[in-house]
Protein backbone atom coordinates (compact mmCIF):
# COMPACT_ATOMS: atom_id res chain seq x y z
CA MET A 1 -14.41 -15.54 -61.06
CA SER A 2 -14.50 -17.14 -57.61
CA VAL A 3 -11.10 -18.88 -57.84
CA ARG A 4 -8.10 -16.66 -58.57
CA THR A 5 -4.39 -17.33 -58.92
CA LEU A 6 -1.19 -15.57 -59.91
CA ALA A 7 1.40 -16.56 -62.50
CA LEU A 8 -0.74 -18.65 -64.81
CA ARG A 9 0.50 -17.95 -68.36
CA SER A 10 -2.89 -18.72 -69.85
CA GLY A 11 -4.91 -16.43 -67.59
CA GLU A 12 -5.42 -12.76 -67.00
CA THR A 13 -4.45 -11.27 -63.66
CA SER A 14 -6.13 -8.03 -62.63
CA ALA A 15 -4.98 -5.49 -60.07
CA GLU A 16 -7.70 -6.79 -57.76
CA ASP A 17 -6.34 -10.33 -58.13
CA HIS A 18 -2.90 -9.07 -57.14
CA ARG A 19 -4.20 -7.31 -54.02
CA LEU A 20 -6.30 -10.24 -52.87
CA LEU A 21 -3.60 -12.82 -53.48
CA ILE A 22 -0.70 -10.79 -52.08
CA GLY A 23 -2.94 -9.81 -49.16
CA SER A 24 -3.50 -13.49 -48.40
CA LEU A 25 0.08 -13.52 -47.12
CA LEU A 26 -0.85 -11.02 -44.42
CA GLY A 27 -2.40 -11.91 -41.07
CA ALA A 28 -6.19 -12.16 -41.04
CA ALA A 29 -8.33 -9.52 -39.34
CA ASP A 30 -10.89 -10.23 -36.63
CA ASP A 31 -13.59 -9.56 -39.17
CA PRO A 32 -16.63 -11.53 -40.41
CA TRP A 33 -15.36 -11.22 -43.99
CA PRO A 34 -12.69 -13.97 -44.37
CA LEU A 35 -10.72 -12.15 -47.09
CA HIS A 36 -10.03 -9.09 -44.95
CA ARG A 37 -6.43 -8.74 -43.77
CA ARG A 38 -4.97 -6.91 -40.79
CA GLY A 39 -3.70 -3.55 -41.97
CA GLY A 40 -0.82 -1.72 -40.31
CA LEU A 41 2.84 -0.82 -40.46
CA MET A 42 5.56 -3.41 -40.91
CA TYR A 43 7.53 -2.68 -37.76
CA ALA A 44 11.10 -1.45 -38.02
CA PRO A 45 12.93 0.96 -35.71
CA GLY A 46 11.97 4.49 -36.71
CA ALA A 47 9.14 3.43 -39.03
CA ALA A 48 6.83 6.44 -39.59
CA ASP A 49 8.41 8.39 -36.71
CA LEU A 50 7.10 11.94 -36.43
CA SER A 51 8.89 15.26 -36.19
CA GLY A 52 7.97 18.75 -37.36
CA SER A 53 8.54 22.46 -37.49
CA GLY A 54 6.09 25.33 -37.47
CA MET A 55 2.91 24.00 -39.09
CA THR A 56 4.64 21.19 -41.00
CA ALA A 57 4.68 17.56 -39.87
CA THR A 58 7.39 15.22 -41.17
CA ILE A 59 6.82 11.44 -41.40
CA ARG A 60 9.84 9.16 -41.74
CA PRO A 61 9.90 6.25 -44.26
CA PHE A 62 7.88 3.09 -43.65
CA SER A 63 6.22 0.05 -45.24
CA ALA A 64 2.53 -0.63 -44.61
CA ALA A 65 -0.51 -2.63 -45.64
CA VAL A 66 -3.69 -0.58 -46.03
CA THR A 67 -6.89 -2.62 -46.06
CA GLY A 68 -9.45 -1.54 -48.66
CA ARG A 69 -12.70 -0.50 -46.99
CA SER A 70 -14.86 0.33 -49.99
CA SER A 71 -15.59 -3.28 -50.99
CA PRO A 72 -15.13 -6.75 -49.43
CA LEU A 73 -13.24 -7.76 -52.59
CA GLN A 74 -10.97 -4.72 -52.68
CA GLY A 75 -8.07 -6.42 -50.94
CA SER A 76 -5.03 -4.80 -49.30
CA TYR A 77 -2.75 -2.15 -50.75
CA LEU A 78 0.96 -2.48 -49.99
CA VAL A 79 2.42 1.01 -49.56
CA VAL A 80 6.08 1.97 -49.15
CA SER A 81 7.25 5.50 -48.37
CA THR A 82 10.92 5.70 -49.27
CA GLU A 83 11.82 9.16 -47.92
CA ASP A 84 10.67 11.77 -45.41
CA VAL A 85 7.26 13.24 -46.27
CA ASP A 86 6.28 16.77 -45.20
CA ILE A 87 2.63 17.57 -44.50
CA ARG A 88 1.60 21.22 -44.18
CA LEU A 89 -1.25 21.64 -41.69
CA GLU A 90 -3.69 24.49 -41.96
CA ASP A 91 -3.42 27.30 -39.42
CA GLY A 92 -5.35 26.93 -36.19
CA PRO A 93 -9.01 28.02 -36.04
CA THR A 94 -10.00 31.48 -34.85
CA THR A 95 -11.94 29.95 -31.95
CA GLY A 96 -11.29 26.70 -30.15
CA SER A 97 -8.94 24.02 -31.39
CA ARG A 98 -8.95 21.46 -34.21
CA THR A 99 -7.81 17.85 -34.35
CA ASP A 100 -6.12 16.65 -37.54
CA LEU A 101 -5.80 12.96 -38.33
CA VAL A 102 -2.62 12.27 -40.30
CA GLY A 103 -1.99 9.00 -42.12
CA VAL A 104 -1.87 7.03 -45.37
CA VAL A 105 -4.80 7.47 -47.75
CA VAL A 106 -5.47 5.25 -50.77
CA LYS A 107 -7.86 6.39 -53.49
CA ASP A 108 -9.09 3.87 -56.05
CA ASP A 109 -11.85 5.15 -58.31
CA LEU A 110 -12.97 1.64 -59.25
CA TYR A 111 -14.27 1.20 -55.70
CA ASP A 112 -14.73 4.65 -54.11
CA ASP A 113 -15.85 6.76 -57.10
CA SER A 114 -13.22 9.37 -56.20
CA ASP A 115 -11.97 9.96 -59.76
CA GLU A 116 -8.47 9.30 -58.34
CA VAL A 117 -6.05 6.37 -58.25
CA LEU A 118 -3.22 7.14 -55.82
CA ALA A 119 -1.67 6.64 -52.39
CA GLU A 120 -0.51 9.60 -50.32
CA ILE A 121 0.35 10.71 -46.78
CA ARG A 122 -1.74 13.65 -45.65
CA VAL A 123 -4.49 14.86 -43.34
CA ILE A 124 -7.33 12.34 -43.48
CA ASP A 125 -10.96 13.34 -43.96
CA PRO A 126 -12.93 10.41 -42.47
CA GLU A 127 -16.12 11.61 -44.15
CA GLU A 128 -14.58 11.53 -47.64
CA ASP A 129 -11.72 9.03 -47.35
CA GLU A 130 -12.72 5.37 -47.13
CA THR A 131 -9.43 3.48 -47.31
CA TYR A 132 -6.77 4.84 -44.97
CA LEU A 133 -4.33 3.93 -42.21
CA PRO A 134 -4.11 6.50 -39.38
CA LEU A 135 -0.69 7.35 -37.97
CA PHE A 136 -1.05 10.35 -35.65
CA GLU A 137 -3.73 12.60 -34.19
CA ILE A 138 -2.53 16.21 -33.86
CA VAL A 139 -4.36 18.93 -31.93
CA VAL A 140 -3.96 22.32 -33.60
CA SER A 141 -4.58 25.07 -31.07
CA GLN A 142 -6.52 28.27 -31.67
CA GLY A 143 -4.62 30.72 -33.85
CA ALA A 144 -1.61 28.43 -34.36
CA SER A 145 0.52 29.45 -37.34
CA THR A 146 4.12 29.59 -38.43
CA GLY A 147 4.25 33.20 -37.25
CA THR A 148 3.01 32.34 -33.75
CA GLY A 149 5.40 29.41 -33.28
CA GLY A 150 3.26 26.76 -34.90
CA ILE A 151 2.60 23.38 -33.30
CA THR A 152 4.52 21.71 -30.50
CA TRP A 153 6.47 18.80 -32.05
CA PRO A 154 8.70 16.01 -30.70
CA ALA A 155 12.28 17.17 -30.13
CA GLN A 156 13.40 14.75 -32.85
CA PRO A 157 12.03 11.67 -34.65
CA GLY A 158 11.40 8.91 -32.13
CA SER A 159 11.28 11.24 -29.11
CA SER A 160 8.38 11.22 -26.67
CA LEU A 161 5.28 12.83 -28.11
CA PRO A 162 3.99 16.06 -26.54
CA GLY A 163 0.50 16.15 -25.06
CA ASN A 164 -1.09 17.58 -28.21
CA ILE A 165 -0.11 14.55 -30.34
CA ARG A 166 -1.47 11.00 -30.01
CA ASP A 167 0.29 7.99 -31.52
CA LEU A 168 -2.15 5.85 -33.55
CA ARG A 169 0.37 3.64 -35.35
CA ASP A 170 -0.83 0.05 -35.62
CA TYR A 171 1.30 -2.88 -36.76
CA THR A 172 0.83 -6.07 -38.73
CA SER A 173 2.85 -9.01 -40.07
CA SER A 174 2.64 -11.87 -42.51
CA ALA A 175 0.13 -14.63 -41.81
CA GLY A 176 1.34 -16.79 -38.93
CA GLY A 177 4.21 -14.42 -38.20
CA VAL A 178 5.06 -12.58 -35.02
CA VAL A 179 3.90 -8.96 -34.98
CA SER A 180 6.76 -6.84 -33.60
CA VAL A 181 5.79 -3.65 -31.75
CA PRO A 182 7.99 -1.14 -29.92
CA ASN A 183 6.12 -1.03 -26.60
CA VAL A 184 3.01 -2.14 -24.70
CA SER A 185 1.09 0.98 -25.74
CA ALA A 186 1.54 0.01 -29.40
CA ARG A 187 0.35 -3.52 -28.63
CA ASN A 188 -2.77 -2.15 -26.92
CA ARG A 189 -3.56 0.01 -29.97
CA MET A 190 -3.80 -3.03 -32.24
CA GLY A 191 -7.28 -3.48 -33.66
CA ASP A 192 -8.96 -6.35 -35.53
CA VAL A 193 -6.80 -8.84 -33.60
CA ARG A 194 -7.78 -12.49 -33.92
CA ASP A 195 -7.13 -15.07 -31.20
CA GLY A 196 -3.81 -16.80 -31.88
CA THR A 197 -2.02 -13.62 -32.97
CA VAL A 198 1.50 -13.51 -31.49
CA VAL A 199 3.11 -10.17 -30.58
CA TYR A 200 6.64 -9.38 -29.45
CA VAL A 201 7.05 -6.19 -27.37
CA GLY A 202 10.58 -4.91 -27.89
CA ALA A 203 10.71 -2.53 -24.91
CA THR A 204 9.99 -5.30 -22.36
CA ARG A 205 11.27 -8.37 -24.30
CA ASP A 206 7.89 -10.09 -23.80
CA LEU A 207 6.05 -12.43 -26.15
CA TYR A 208 2.23 -12.43 -25.97
CA ILE A 209 -0.52 -14.46 -27.61
CA ARG A 210 -4.10 -13.27 -28.12
CA ASP A 211 -6.35 -15.57 -26.11
CA SER A 212 -10.11 -15.06 -25.62
CA GLY A 213 -9.81 -11.39 -26.52
CA ALA A 214 -6.94 -10.66 -24.10
CA TRP A 215 -3.15 -10.68 -24.27
CA ARG A 216 -1.55 -13.61 -22.40
CA PRO A 217 2.23 -13.59 -21.84
CA VAL A 218 3.91 -16.78 -23.04
CA ALA A 219 7.62 -15.91 -22.77
CA GLY A 220 9.78 -13.22 -21.21
CA PRO A 221 9.66 -11.35 -17.89
CA ALA A 222 5.85 -10.93 -17.94
CA ALA A 223 5.33 -14.68 -18.38
CA ASP A 224 7.79 -15.40 -15.56
CA ALA A 225 5.93 -13.00 -13.27
CA ALA A 226 2.56 -14.53 -14.18
CA LEU A 227 3.92 -17.99 -13.32
CA ASP A 228 5.28 -16.78 -9.99
CA ASN A 229 1.90 -15.25 -9.11
CA ARG A 230 0.19 -18.62 -9.46
CA TYR A 231 1.72 -19.70 -6.16
CA GLU A 232 1.07 -18.08 -2.80
CA PRO A 233 4.29 -16.96 -1.09
CA LEU A 234 4.55 -19.15 2.00
CA GLY A 235 7.26 -17.39 3.95
CA ALA A 236 8.98 -18.90 7.00
CA PRO A 237 7.27 -21.72 8.95
CA SER A 238 5.45 -20.90 12.20
CA MET A 239 5.59 -23.25 15.22
CA TRP A 240 4.35 -23.27 18.80
CA SER A 241 4.38 -26.05 21.38
CA GLY A 242 3.35 -26.83 24.94
CA THR A 243 2.02 -29.41 27.43
CA VAL A 244 -1.39 -29.62 29.14
CA ARG A 245 -2.59 -31.80 32.03
CA ILE A 246 -5.97 -33.44 31.59
CA THR A 247 -7.95 -35.40 34.18
CA PRO A 248 -10.63 -37.40 32.34
CA GLU A 249 -13.92 -37.37 34.24
CA GLU A 250 -16.77 -37.58 31.71
CA VAL A 251 -18.06 -41.15 31.48
CA VAL A 252 -18.67 -42.48 27.99
CA GLU A 253 -21.04 -45.45 27.98
CA ASN A 254 -21.92 -48.08 25.36
CA SER A 255 -18.97 -47.22 23.20
CA PHE A 256 -16.95 -49.31 20.80
CA TYR A 257 -14.53 -49.85 23.70
CA THR A 258 -15.08 -53.07 25.67
CA LYS A 259 -15.76 -51.13 28.88
CA ASP A 260 -16.97 -47.69 29.79
CA TYR A 261 -14.21 -45.08 29.59
CA TYR A 262 -13.49 -41.52 30.70
CA ARG A 263 -12.95 -38.44 28.62
CA GLY A 264 -11.35 -35.08 29.38
CA PHE A 265 -10.79 -31.81 27.49
CA ALA A 266 -8.27 -28.95 27.39
CA ARG A 267 -8.49 -25.75 25.35
CA VAL A 268 -5.20 -24.48 23.86
CA ASP A 269 -5.03 -20.81 22.81
CA LEU A 270 -2.35 -19.88 20.26
CA PRO A 271 -0.55 -16.50 20.17
CA GLU A 272 -2.46 -13.91 18.15
CA GLY A 273 -1.00 -13.32 14.67
CA LEU A 274 1.42 -16.26 14.79
CA PHE A 275 -0.59 -18.38 12.35
CA SER A 276 -2.44 -17.20 9.23
CA ARG A 277 -4.56 -20.35 9.02
CA ALA A 278 -5.29 -23.49 11.04
CA PRO A 279 -1.93 -25.17 11.72
CA ARG A 280 -1.13 -28.87 11.67
CA ILE A 281 -1.41 -30.31 15.22
CA LEU A 282 0.80 -33.13 16.55
CA LEU A 283 -0.08 -34.73 19.95
CA THR A 284 1.72 -37.12 22.31
CA ALA A 285 0.01 -38.36 25.49
CA HIS A 286 2.33 -39.64 28.28
CA SER A 287 0.98 -42.59 30.33
CA GLN A 288 2.80 -44.79 32.89
CA VAL A 289 -0.06 -47.29 32.91
CA PRO A 290 0.03 -49.35 29.68
CA GLY A 291 -3.35 -50.28 28.21
CA THR A 292 -5.44 -47.67 29.99
CA LEU A 293 -4.72 -44.77 27.55
CA ILE A 294 -7.20 -45.05 24.69
CA ASP A 295 -6.75 -41.97 22.53
CA ALA A 296 -5.61 -38.35 22.34
CA THR A 297 -6.94 -36.17 19.52
CA TYR A 298 -8.06 -32.60 18.85
CA THR A 299 -11.08 -30.69 17.50
CA GLU A 300 -11.96 -27.17 16.30
CA PRO A 301 -8.52 -26.25 14.90
CA SER A 302 -8.05 -22.63 13.82
CA ALA A 303 -5.35 -19.97 13.69
CA SER A 304 -6.33 -18.96 17.25
CA GLY A 305 -6.32 -22.39 18.91
CA PHE A 306 -7.77 -25.90 19.26
CA THR A 307 -9.23 -28.31 21.82
CA ILE A 308 -7.46 -31.50 22.93
CA VAL A 309 -9.65 -34.52 23.74
CA LEU A 310 -8.20 -37.34 25.92
CA ALA A 311 -9.79 -40.76 26.46
CA ARG A 312 -8.70 -43.23 29.16
CA ALA A 313 -10.02 -46.35 30.86
CA THR A 314 -9.16 -44.66 34.18
CA THR A 315 -9.33 -41.16 35.63
CA VAL A 316 -5.58 -40.75 35.93
CA THR A 317 -4.35 -37.23 35.23
CA THR A 318 -2.35 -37.32 31.98
CA ASN A 319 0.19 -34.98 30.37
CA VAL A 320 -0.38 -34.28 26.66
CA SER A 321 2.41 -32.55 24.70
CA TRP A 322 1.41 -30.73 21.54
CA LEU A 323 3.12 -29.07 18.59
CA ALA A 324 1.35 -26.65 16.19
CA VAL A 325 3.06 -26.13 12.82
CA GLN A 326 2.20 -23.97 9.79
CA GLU A 327 4.42 -25.08 6.92
CA GLY A 328 6.63 -22.54 5.14
C-alpha cells in the first residue's frame, strides 16, 4: 500500500507502518530517499555518557532514533535505554592495537535476514550489522586486559575523553525542531544535515542554521561577532593641514574662460603612515584681487600626498590652505 495511516479502526497497521509514520515526526535526512529520517540521540545532559573500568565500558541512559539501513521502507526505530549498560570488550590483541566501535544495534530479520529481532548496545561489526547508531570509538591497546589495568576511561561520566576514545555521538530532533547539542564538536559531527536545520550549541549559547552546506550563526555571541566583522574598524580620524604659495605661470589658451589664464602647481607630501588610504582634501585659495582667481583644485590624491592646481587670470602669487582628513 502506498498510502499509510495510523489509528484507523477499519485498517491494519503493521510494525513497518508504525516506524514510517512515527519517523515522519523526526527531522528529514540529507538523503535522496524522502522517507529517510535523521537518526541520532535526543539530547539531554548526560545522555549516553561514557565511563568504564578495566575492560568494561558503561553507557548511561538515553533516547535515540536509529534509521533502518537495510531497506528504504524500513523506517526509524525509536530506542530508549533506561539504565546504565555495561559492555565487556575483548582483551587487546597480541600485536598492534584494535579499534572497537560501540553503539546501538538494531536487528530486524524481516529486512536484514539476521534471524534476530532486537535492539542492543554493544560493539558494532560494520560488516555484519546494517542498522546501527555509533556512540564511541575505543582504541584497545596491545595486550590490554583487566589484569594489566585494562583501558583508559574518563574519570567519571561526562568527563573529558582520553586520547584513546573518540566521541561519535550524533543528535537529532523532531521535524522543524531545534537540535540541541552540548558543544561545537558535537555540531560538527552531525551527518545527513539538510539546509534549514537549526542547532543550538549549549556550551556557547549560539543558534546556527544550516545554509548552503555550512553552519551560519543567527543568534548568540557568534552571530554578534559575525555582524561586527562585516564592518571595518575605522579607528580615530587622521588630519594634516598646511599652506602653499603658488605663482601661476603656465598659459592656458582657448579655454572655456573668456580670456587666456595662468595655471600653477604645488606638490604636497603627507607624513608617511599617517593615512591608510587617500584622504579627503579641502582647499581654500586666498586672493586680494576679486575676479582674477578662477579655481583651486587637486589631482592624484593618495595616502602619501596630492597635487594642488591653481588657475588665475593673472600671475599673482597666491596662498592656498589645505586640510587632509581621513574619517574615523
